[in-house]
Protein backbone atom coordinates (compact mmCIF):
# COMPACT_ATOMS: atom_id res chain seq x y z
CA MET A 1 93.85 62.55 83.50
CA ALA A 2 95.72 59.30 82.76
CA SER A 3 94.44 56.11 81.40
CA SER A 4 94.89 52.69 83.40
CA SER A 5 97.38 50.23 81.75
CA ARG A 6 94.42 47.91 81.21
CA GLY A 7 92.80 49.89 78.60
CA GLY A 8 89.48 50.76 80.49
CA ALA A 9 88.73 54.18 81.91
CA TYR A 10 90.17 55.52 84.82
CA LYS A 11 87.69 56.84 87.16
CA THR A 12 89.13 59.56 89.84
CA ARG A 13 85.97 60.72 91.46
CA SER A 14 82.44 60.56 90.91
CA GLY A 15 81.86 62.66 87.66
CA LEU A 16 85.38 62.57 86.20
CA THR A 17 86.60 60.21 83.78
CA SER A 18 89.17 59.93 80.99
CA ARG A 19 88.93 57.64 78.03
CA PRO A 20 91.95 55.86 76.94
CA GLY A 21 93.74 57.40 73.63
CA GLN A 22 91.56 60.97 73.87
CA ASP A 23 93.14 64.08 74.90
CA HIS A 24 89.97 65.57 76.65
CA VAL A 25 88.34 65.10 79.79
CA GLN A 26 84.57 64.98 80.17
CA ILE A 27 83.13 66.24 83.30
CA GLY A 28 79.84 65.45 84.72
CA ILE A 29 78.16 67.05 87.48
CA ASP A 30 75.16 64.97 89.29
CA SER A 31 72.10 67.04 89.45
CA GLY A 32 70.70 65.20 92.24
CA ASN A 33 72.82 67.21 94.70
CA ASP A 34 71.59 70.62 95.40
CA TYR A 35 74.69 72.90 94.87
CA ASP A 36 74.49 76.64 95.28
CA LEU A 37 77.38 77.47 93.22
CA ASP A 38 76.66 81.11 93.29
CA ALA A 39 76.58 81.24 96.98
CA ASP A 40 79.94 79.09 97.14
CA ILE A 41 81.51 81.66 94.54
CA ASP A 42 80.35 84.54 96.43
CA GLY A 43 81.76 83.06 99.73
CA LEU A 44 84.95 82.60 97.80
CA SER A 45 85.02 85.94 96.54
CA SER A 46 84.74 87.41 100.08
CA GLN A 47 87.45 85.25 101.52
CA VAL A 48 89.73 86.34 98.47
CA SER A 49 88.85 89.93 99.34
CA ARG A 50 89.84 89.49 103.00
CA LEU A 51 93.05 87.93 101.98
CA LYS A 52 93.85 90.61 99.83
CA GLN A 53 93.16 93.19 102.60
CA VAL A 54 95.40 91.09 104.91
CA ALA A 55 98.20 91.01 102.42
CA GLY A 56 98.02 94.68 102.04
CA ALA A 57 98.25 95.24 105.84
CA ILE A 58 101.00 92.87 106.04
CA HIS A 59 103.02 94.89 103.15
CA GLU A 60 102.24 98.11 105.13
CA GLU A 61 103.55 96.85 108.44
CA GLN A 62 106.56 95.49 106.50
CA ASN A 63 107.33 98.99 105.05
CA VAL A 64 106.83 100.42 108.34
CA GLN A 65 109.25 98.07 110.18
CA ASN A 66 111.59 98.23 107.34
CA GLY A 67 111.95 102.23 107.95
CA ILE A 68 112.24 101.57 111.61
CA LEU A 69 114.90 99.02 111.17
CA SER A 70 116.95 101.67 108.40
CA ASN A 71 116.57 104.40 111.06
CA LEU A 72 117.89 102.18 113.73
CA GLU A 73 120.84 101.14 111.60
CA GLU A 74 121.66 104.68 110.83
CA THR A 75 121.50 105.63 114.50
CA MET A 76 123.81 102.71 115.55
CA GLU A 77 126.34 103.53 112.78
CA GLN A 78 126.36 107.29 114.02
CA ALA A 79 126.85 106.13 117.64
CA ARG A 80 129.56 103.78 116.63
CA LEU A 81 131.39 106.41 114.71
CA GLY A 82 130.90 108.80 117.47
CA LEU A 83 132.31 106.40 120.01
CA SER A 84 135.12 105.49 117.96
CA THR A 85 136.20 109.08 117.58
CA THR A 86 135.77 109.58 121.24
CA MET A 87 137.95 106.60 122.00
CA LYS A 88 140.78 107.80 119.60
CA ARG A 89 140.56 111.21 121.34
CA LEU A 90 140.80 109.72 124.76
CA SER A 91 143.67 107.40 123.59
CA ARG A 92 145.65 110.27 122.43
CA THR A 93 145.17 112.49 125.33
CA ILE A 94 146.23 109.54 127.81
CA GLN A 95 149.33 108.76 125.60
CA GLY A 96 150.05 112.43 125.18
CA SER A 97 149.99 113.22 128.94
CA LYS A 98 153.04 112.35 130.62
CA SER A 99 151.66 113.18 134.16
CA ASN A 100 148.90 111.73 136.01
CA HIS A 101 146.67 114.91 136.22
CA LEU A 102 143.82 113.24 134.19
CA LEU A 103 143.82 110.49 136.54
CA TYR A 104 143.72 112.38 139.67
CA LEU A 105 140.82 114.47 138.26
CA LEU A 106 138.97 111.22 137.35
CA LEU A 107 139.55 110.17 141.03
CA PHE A 108 138.72 113.39 142.30
CA ALA A 109 135.14 113.52 140.54
CA VAL A 110 134.59 109.82 141.63
CA GLY A 111 135.37 110.87 145.24
CA VAL A 112 133.11 113.97 145.38
CA MET A 113 130.27 111.83 143.90
CA ALA A 114 130.66 109.11 146.55
CA ALA A 115 130.80 111.65 149.11
CA LEU A 116 127.44 113.39 147.92
CA TRP A 117 125.93 109.72 147.85
CA LEU A 118 126.99 109.04 151.37
CA LEU A 119 125.53 112.25 152.75
CA THR A 120 122.27 111.57 150.82
CA LYS A 121 121.87 108.37 152.24
CA ALA A 122 122.86 109.78 155.99
CA TYR A 123 120.23 112.48 155.77
CA ARG A 124 117.46 109.84 154.47
CA ILE A 125 118.47 107.88 157.47
CA VAL A 126 118.43 110.72 160.14
CA ARG A 127 115.39 112.06 158.78
CA TRP A 128 113.60 108.59 159.01
CA VAL A 129 114.86 108.14 162.64
CA VAL A 130 113.65 111.52 163.73
């Protein structure tokens, strides 16, 4: 502890004093208060044990989530590569074909799907009315 500039002892709190010009600190514990140090130490020990368990659980959860994130990154990279390859193929197909056969095929497929959807809706309406 530091000494005061006036040359006297500097009191920090009850029981702790430092003397000017000395390298050691003297600690005194009042015996008037009934402290149960063993119970306090046991309580602190149990709290430290609980904190250690919580830290271990956090570490395990972190490892699990890191694994999940790694798998997600790999999956996203594979999907990106697959999409890139598909877009290149589609681009080459569109540029390579001089006619509009692919466009007509796509429009036909959309038309068939729309017709099936309308028939399904009409069937449900007729069934509901009857």
